[in-house]
Structures are given as C-alpha cells and as structure tokens.
Amino acid sequence: MQVDKPNREPLSERDHQALQQLRQQIEQTIACGSISRKQHTAILAQIYADGVVTEQECKLFRLMQEKIWCGDLYIEP
C-alpha cells in the first residue's frame, strides 16, 4: 500500500546529513551485534534532537528494534 504524504517537504541538507549519521550509527551497532543502554539513549537523543521525528528515522529505529526482538542484536546489561 502506498501512502500519499502531500505536505511532506524534502529533507534539508542538514537533515540529510543527520539522517546519514543516524543510519551509520545504527548500522555499526547492528554489525557489532550488541548495544549498550548508553548507545540506545544516544540514538534516541539523536532522533529527537530537532523535535521532529521523520519517517526515515522511524524506519531506521524500527530496523534496530526488529534486530533486538529477533535476537540478532543483544542489549548489554
């Protein structure tokens, strides 16, 4: 199903760079196989930093959550 979002503005260069940093951080965390509470908090802080959570940020965070749920990403105590 395709969802039409006519009011969505294209990402600014700053937002695009922030998204790339978030993607890189999440991909590195997944590749490592574990995530600390501190890393998890830092990722959430990065997502909420500008006060707006984009669709792309949600997708990246959900990917990380799915890896945790499936056991592919271990949360360190």
C-alpha atoms as a PDB file:
ATOM      1  CA  MET A   1       0.000   0.000   0.000  1.00  0.00           C
ATOM      2  CA  GLN A   2       1.347   3.404  -0.938  1.00  0.00           C
ATOM      3  CA  VAL A   3       0.697   6.260   1.454  1.00  0.00           C
ATOM      4  CA  ASP A   4       0.483   9.716  -0.070  1.00  0.00           C
ATOM      5  CA  LYS A   5       2.074  12.468   2.006  1.00  0.00           C
ATOM      6  CA  PRO A   6       1.440  15.671   0.047  1.00  0.00           C
ATOM      7  CA  ASN A   7       2.581  18.014   2.842  1.00  0.00           C
ATOM      8  CA  ARG A   8       5.943  16.345   3.322  1.00  0.00           C
ATOM      9  CA  GLU A   9       8.796  18.665   2.493  1.00  0.00           C
ATOM     10  CA  PRO A  10      12.073  17.341   1.095  1.00  0.00           C
ATOM     11  CA  LEU A  11      14.884  16.935   3.618  1.00  0.00           C
ATOM     12  CA  SER A  12      17.231  19.862   4.032  1.00  0.00           C
ATOM     13  CA  GLU A  13      20.955  19.275   3.641  1.00  0.00           C
ATOM     14  CA  ARG A  14      21.335  19.427   7.424  1.00  0.00           C
ATOM     15  CA  ASP A  15      18.527  16.894   7.937  1.00  0.00           C
ATOM     16  CA  HIS A  16      20.002  14.651   5.257  1.00  0.00           C
ATOM     17  CA  GLN A  17      23.401  14.692   6.990  1.00  0.00           C
ATOM     18  CA  ALA A  18      21.798  13.944  10.364  1.00  0.00           C
ATOM     19  CA  LEU A  19      19.898  11.040   8.808  1.00  0.00           C
ATOM     20  CA  GLN A  20      23.111   9.669   7.283  1.00  0.00           C
ATOM     21  CA  GLN A  21      24.839   9.881  10.681  1.00  0.00           C
ATOM     22  CA  LEU A  22      21.941   8.076  12.330  1.00  0.00           C
ATOM     23  CA  ARG A  23      21.944   5.393   9.626  1.00  0.00           C
ATOM     24  CA  GLN A  24      25.687   4.896  10.053  1.00  0.00           C
ATOM     25  CA  GLN A  25      25.402   4.691  13.844  1.00  0.00           C
ATOM     26  CA  ILE A  26      22.574   2.134  13.691  1.00  0.00           C
ATOM     27  CA  GLU A  27      24.306   0.047  11.018  1.00  0.00           C
ATOM     28  CA  GLN A  28      27.523  -0.040  13.081  1.00  0.00           C
ATOM     29  CA  THR A  29      25.560  -1.052  16.169  1.00  0.00           C
ATOM     30  CA  ILE A  30      23.829  -3.870  14.275  1.00  0.00           C
ATOM     31  CA  ALA A  31      27.148  -5.033  12.802  1.00  0.00           C
ATOM     32  CA  CYS A  32      28.649  -5.125  16.317  1.00  0.00           C
ATOM     33  CA  GLY A  33      25.828  -7.387  17.497  1.00  0.00           C
ATOM     34  CA  SER A  34      25.220  -5.635  20.811  1.00  0.00           C
ATOM     35  CA  ILE A  35      24.021  -2.292  22.093  1.00  0.00           C
ATOM     36  CA  SER A  36      24.543  -0.672  25.459  1.00  0.00           C
ATOM     37  CA  ARG A  37      21.883   1.343  27.258  1.00  0.00           C
ATOM     38  CA  LYS A  38      24.093   4.389  26.709  1.00  0.00           C
ATOM     39  CA  GLN A  39      24.198   3.782  22.926  1.00  0.00           C
ATOM     40  CA  HIS A  40      20.428   3.244  22.854  1.00  0.00           C
ATOM     41  CA  THR A  41      19.869   6.518  24.708  1.00  0.00           C
ATOM     42  CA  ALA A  42      22.270   8.339  22.359  1.00  0.00           C
ATOM     43  CA  ILE A  43      20.406   7.057  19.298  1.00  0.00           C
ATOM     44  CA  LEU A  44      17.073   8.189  20.741  1.00  0.00           C
ATOM     45  CA  ALA A  45      18.554  11.592  21.602  1.00  0.00           C
ATOM     46  CA  GLN A  46      19.783  11.944  18.035  1.00  0.00           C
ATOM     47  CA  ILE A  47      16.329  11.086  16.672  1.00  0.00           C
ATOM     48  CA  TYR A  48      14.586  13.595  18.948  1.00  0.00           C
ATOM     49  CA  ALA A  49      17.279  16.304  18.715  1.00  0.00           C
ATOM     50  CA  ASP A  50      15.430  18.570  16.283  1.00  0.00           C
ATOM     51  CA  GLY A  51      11.988  17.968  17.780  1.00  0.00           C
ATOM     52  CA  VAL A  52      10.726  16.260  14.619  1.00  0.00           C
ATOM     53  CA  VAL A  53      10.840  12.514  14.005  1.00  0.00           C
ATOM     54  CA  THR A  54      10.898  11.784  10.276  1.00  0.00           C
ATOM     55  CA  GLU A  55       9.573   8.710   8.540  1.00  0.00           C
ATOM     56  CA  GLN A  56      13.144   7.705   7.665  1.00  0.00           C
ATOM     57  CA  GLU A  57      14.257   7.984  11.293  1.00  0.00           C
ATOM     58  CA  CYS A  58      11.318   5.807  12.345  1.00  0.00           C
ATOM     59  CA  LYS A  59      12.247   3.172   9.763  1.00  0.00           C
ATOM     60  CA  LEU A  60      15.858   3.067  10.955  1.00  0.00           C
ATOM     61  CA  PHE A  61      14.841   2.804  14.600  1.00  0.00           C
ATOM     62  CA  ARG A  62      12.313   0.099  13.791  1.00  0.00           C
ATOM     63  CA  LEU A  63      15.023  -1.866  11.973  1.00  0.00           C
ATOM     64  CA  MET A  64      17.130  -1.764  15.124  1.00  0.00           C
ATOM     65  CA  GLN A  65      14.141  -2.788  17.268  1.00  0.00           C
ATOM     66  CA  GLU A  66      13.410  -5.739  14.990  1.00  0.00           C
ATOM     67  CA  LYS A  67      17.022  -6.912  15.314  1.00  0.00           C
ATOM     68  CA  ILE A  68      16.649  -6.778  19.105  1.00  0.00           C
ATOM     69  CA  TRP A  69      13.333  -8.650  19.028  1.00  0.00           C
ATOM     70  CA  CYS A  70      14.754 -11.359  16.749  1.00  0.00           C
ATOM     71  CA  GLY A  71      17.816 -11.803  18.939  1.00  0.00           C
ATOM     72  CA  ASP A  72      20.238 -10.540  16.304  1.00  0.00           C
ATOM     73  CA  LEU A  73      21.117  -7.524  18.476  1.00  0.00           C
ATOM     74  CA  TYR A  74      21.876  -8.087  22.154  1.00  0.00           C
ATOM     75  CA  ILE A  75      21.156  -5.395  24.761  1.00  0.00           C
ATOM     76  CA  GLU A  76      24.038  -5.229  27.195  1.00  0.00           C
ATOM     77  CA  PRO A  77      23.024  -5.164  30.873  1.00  0.00           C
END
